[in-house]
Amino acid sequence: MSVFDNLRAQLEQLDWPNVYLFKFIVPNDNERMAQVSALFDEQADISYHQSGGGNYVSVSVKEVMLTVDSIIEIYEKAAQIKGVISL
């Protein structure tokens, strides 16, 4: 059983392709920020908001996703980046 099973069940109720909003909390570190950004196409709408203390950055990404599997794949890759929290 995957940690993404509940998300998959929710997403499968929607029509695809569709615009999906990803949200991550990333340590304020250029390398990790670049790793998260690299998960998405150049056309993705990426916005960054620094936390009050400056230690973390909230990353929001809107991108047209073709399938539920492509969304889960991005979350699985993000989970491999040290310190990144998927919301």
C-alpha atoms as a PDB file:
ATOM      1  CA  MET A   1       0.000   0.000   0.000  1.00  0.00           C
ATOM      2  CA  SER A   2       1.409   3.342  -1.089  1.00  0.00           C
ATOM      3  CA  VAL A   3       1.306   6.578   0.890  1.00  0.00           C
ATOM      4  CA  PHE A   4      -0.277   8.047  -2.246  1.00  0.00           C
ATOM      5  CA  ASP A   5      -3.244   5.634  -2.444  1.00  0.00           C
ATOM      6  CA  ASN A   6      -5.721   8.110  -0.929  1.00  0.00           C
ATOM      7  CA  LEU A   7      -4.539  10.884  -3.234  1.00  0.00           C
ATOM      8  CA  ARG A   8      -4.795   8.541  -6.229  1.00  0.00           C
ATOM      9  CA  ALA A   9      -8.397   7.636  -5.297  1.00  0.00           C
ATOM     10  CA  GLN A  10      -9.350  11.329  -5.062  1.00  0.00           C
ATOM     11  CA  LEU A  11      -7.632  12.252  -8.323  1.00  0.00           C
ATOM     12  CA  GLU A  12      -9.201   9.368 -10.249  1.00  0.00           C
ATOM     13  CA  GLN A  13     -12.607  10.978  -9.687  1.00  0.00           C
ATOM     14  CA  LEU A  14     -11.552  13.974 -11.817  1.00  0.00           C
ATOM     15  CA  ASP A  15     -11.272  14.282 -15.594  1.00  0.00           C
ATOM     16  CA  TRP A  16      -7.767  14.278 -17.083  1.00  0.00           C
ATOM     17  CA  PRO A  17      -5.902  16.111 -18.586  1.00  0.00           C
ATOM     18  CA  ASN A  18      -6.473  18.957 -16.126  1.00  0.00           C
ATOM     19  CA  VAL A  19      -4.601  21.756 -14.358  1.00  0.00           C
ATOM     20  CA  TYR A  20      -3.224  20.523 -11.040  1.00  0.00           C
ATOM     21  CA  LEU A  21      -1.829  22.606  -8.174  1.00  0.00           C
ATOM     22  CA  PHE A  22       1.207  21.150  -6.407  1.00  0.00           C
ATOM     23  CA  LYS A  23       2.392  22.626  -3.096  1.00  0.00           C
ATOM     24  CA  PHE A  24       5.677  21.999  -1.360  1.00  0.00           C
ATOM     25  CA  ILE A  25       7.586  23.370   1.610  1.00  0.00           C
ATOM     26  CA  VAL A  26      11.273  23.482   0.696  1.00  0.00           C
ATOM     27  CA  PRO A  27      14.294  24.428   2.822  1.00  0.00           C
ATOM     28  CA  ASN A  28      15.580  27.818   1.649  1.00  0.00           C
ATOM     29  CA  ASP A  29      18.482  26.262  -0.210  1.00  0.00           C
ATOM     30  CA  ASN A  30      19.226  26.998  -3.881  1.00  0.00           C
ATOM     31  CA  GLU A  31      20.085  23.394  -4.721  1.00  0.00           C
ATOM     32  CA  ARG A  32      16.855  21.979  -3.285  1.00  0.00           C
ATOM     33  CA  MET A  33      14.795  24.752  -4.877  1.00  0.00           C
ATOM     34  CA  ALA A  34      16.358  23.885  -8.242  1.00  0.00           C
ATOM     35  CA  GLN A  35      15.641  20.174  -7.723  1.00  0.00           C
ATOM     36  CA  VAL A  36      11.957  20.881  -7.059  1.00  0.00           C
ATOM     37  CA  SER A  37      11.680  23.272 -10.012  1.00  0.00           C
ATOM     38  CA  ALA A  38      13.304  20.667 -12.282  1.00  0.00           C
ATOM     39  CA  LEU A  39      10.365  18.305 -11.648  1.00  0.00           C
ATOM     40  CA  PHE A  40       8.190  20.514 -13.868  1.00  0.00           C
ATOM     41  CA  ASP A  41       8.077  21.691 -17.492  1.00  0.00           C
ATOM     42  CA  GLU A  42       9.227  25.169 -18.468  1.00  0.00           C
ATOM     43  CA  GLN A  43       5.580  26.119 -19.096  1.00  0.00           C
ATOM     44  CA  ALA A  44       4.579  25.414 -15.485  1.00  0.00           C
ATOM     45  CA  ASP A  45       3.422  28.382 -13.406  1.00  0.00           C
ATOM     46  CA  ILE A  46       5.743  28.328 -10.372  1.00  0.00           C
ATOM     47  CA  SER A  47       5.485  30.786  -7.479  1.00  0.00           C
ATOM     48  CA  TYR A  48       7.666  31.084  -4.385  1.00  0.00           C
ATOM     49  CA  HIS A  49       6.842  32.562  -0.969  1.00  0.00           C
ATOM     50  CA  GLN A  50       9.487  32.790   1.735  1.00  0.00           C
ATOM     51  CA  SER A  51       8.535  31.924   5.310  1.00  0.00           C
ATOM     52  CA  GLY A  52       8.615  34.612   7.993  1.00  0.00           C
ATOM     53  CA  GLY A  53      11.863  33.299   9.438  1.00  0.00           C
ATOM     54  CA  GLY A  54      13.415  32.822   6.008  1.00  0.00           C
ATOM     55  CA  ASN A  55      14.326  29.176   6.605  1.00  0.00           C
ATOM     56  CA  TYR A  56      11.735  27.723   4.222  1.00  0.00           C
ATOM     57  CA  VAL A  57      10.065  28.572   0.945  1.00  0.00           C
ATOM     58  CA  SER A  58       6.531  27.614  -0.050  1.00  0.00           C
ATOM     59  CA  VAL A  59       6.530  26.493  -3.674  1.00  0.00           C
ATOM     60  CA  SER A  60       3.231  26.396  -5.579  1.00  0.00           C
ATOM     61  CA  VAL A  61       3.138  24.952  -9.082  1.00  0.00           C
ATOM     62  CA  LYS A  62       0.240  24.924 -11.536  1.00  0.00           C
ATOM     63  CA  GLU A  63       0.716  22.640 -14.496  1.00  0.00           C
ATOM     64  CA  VAL A  64      -1.496  20.788 -16.957  1.00  0.00           C
ATOM     65  CA  MET A  65      -1.170  17.132 -16.032  1.00  0.00           C
ATOM     66  CA  LEU A  66      -2.234  14.376 -18.407  1.00  0.00           C
ATOM     67  CA  THR A  67      -2.809  11.512 -15.974  1.00  0.00           C
ATOM     68  CA  VAL A  68      -3.091  10.661 -12.290  1.00  0.00           C
ATOM     69  CA  ASP A  69       0.081   8.576 -12.621  1.00  0.00           C
ATOM     70  CA  SER A  70       2.074  11.611 -13.785  1.00  0.00           C
ATOM     71  CA  ILE A  71       1.012  13.506 -10.645  1.00  0.00           C
ATOM     72  CA  ILE A  72       1.935  10.629  -8.324  1.00  0.00           C
ATOM     73  CA  GLU A  73       5.291  10.314 -10.113  1.00  0.00           C
ATOM     74  CA  ILE A  74       6.149  13.952  -9.337  1.00  0.00           C
ATOM     75  CA  TYR A  75       5.237  13.492  -5.666  1.00  0.00           C
ATOM     76  CA  GLU A  76       7.391  10.344  -5.511  1.00  0.00           C
ATOM     77  CA  LYS A  77      10.370  12.219  -6.996  1.00  0.00           C
ATOM     78  CA  ALA A  78       9.829  15.169  -4.636  1.00  0.00           C
ATOM     79  CA  ALA A  79       9.841  12.758  -1.682  1.00  0.00           C
ATOM     80  CA  GLN A  80      13.436  11.826  -2.617  1.00  0.00           C
ATOM     81  CA  ILE A  81      14.632  15.432  -2.145  1.00  0.00           C
ATOM     82  CA  LYS A  82      15.920  15.858   1.403  1.00  0.00           C
ATOM     83  CA  GLY A  83      13.825  18.192   3.556  1.00  0.00           C
ATOM     84  CA  VAL A  84      10.983  18.700   1.046  1.00  0.00           C
ATOM     85  CA  ILE A  85       7.442  18.410   2.411  1.00  0.00           C
ATOM     86  CA  SER A  86       4.569  17.784  -0.008  1.00  0.00           C
ATOM     87  CA  LEU A  87       1.223  19.313   0.927  1.00  0.00           C
END
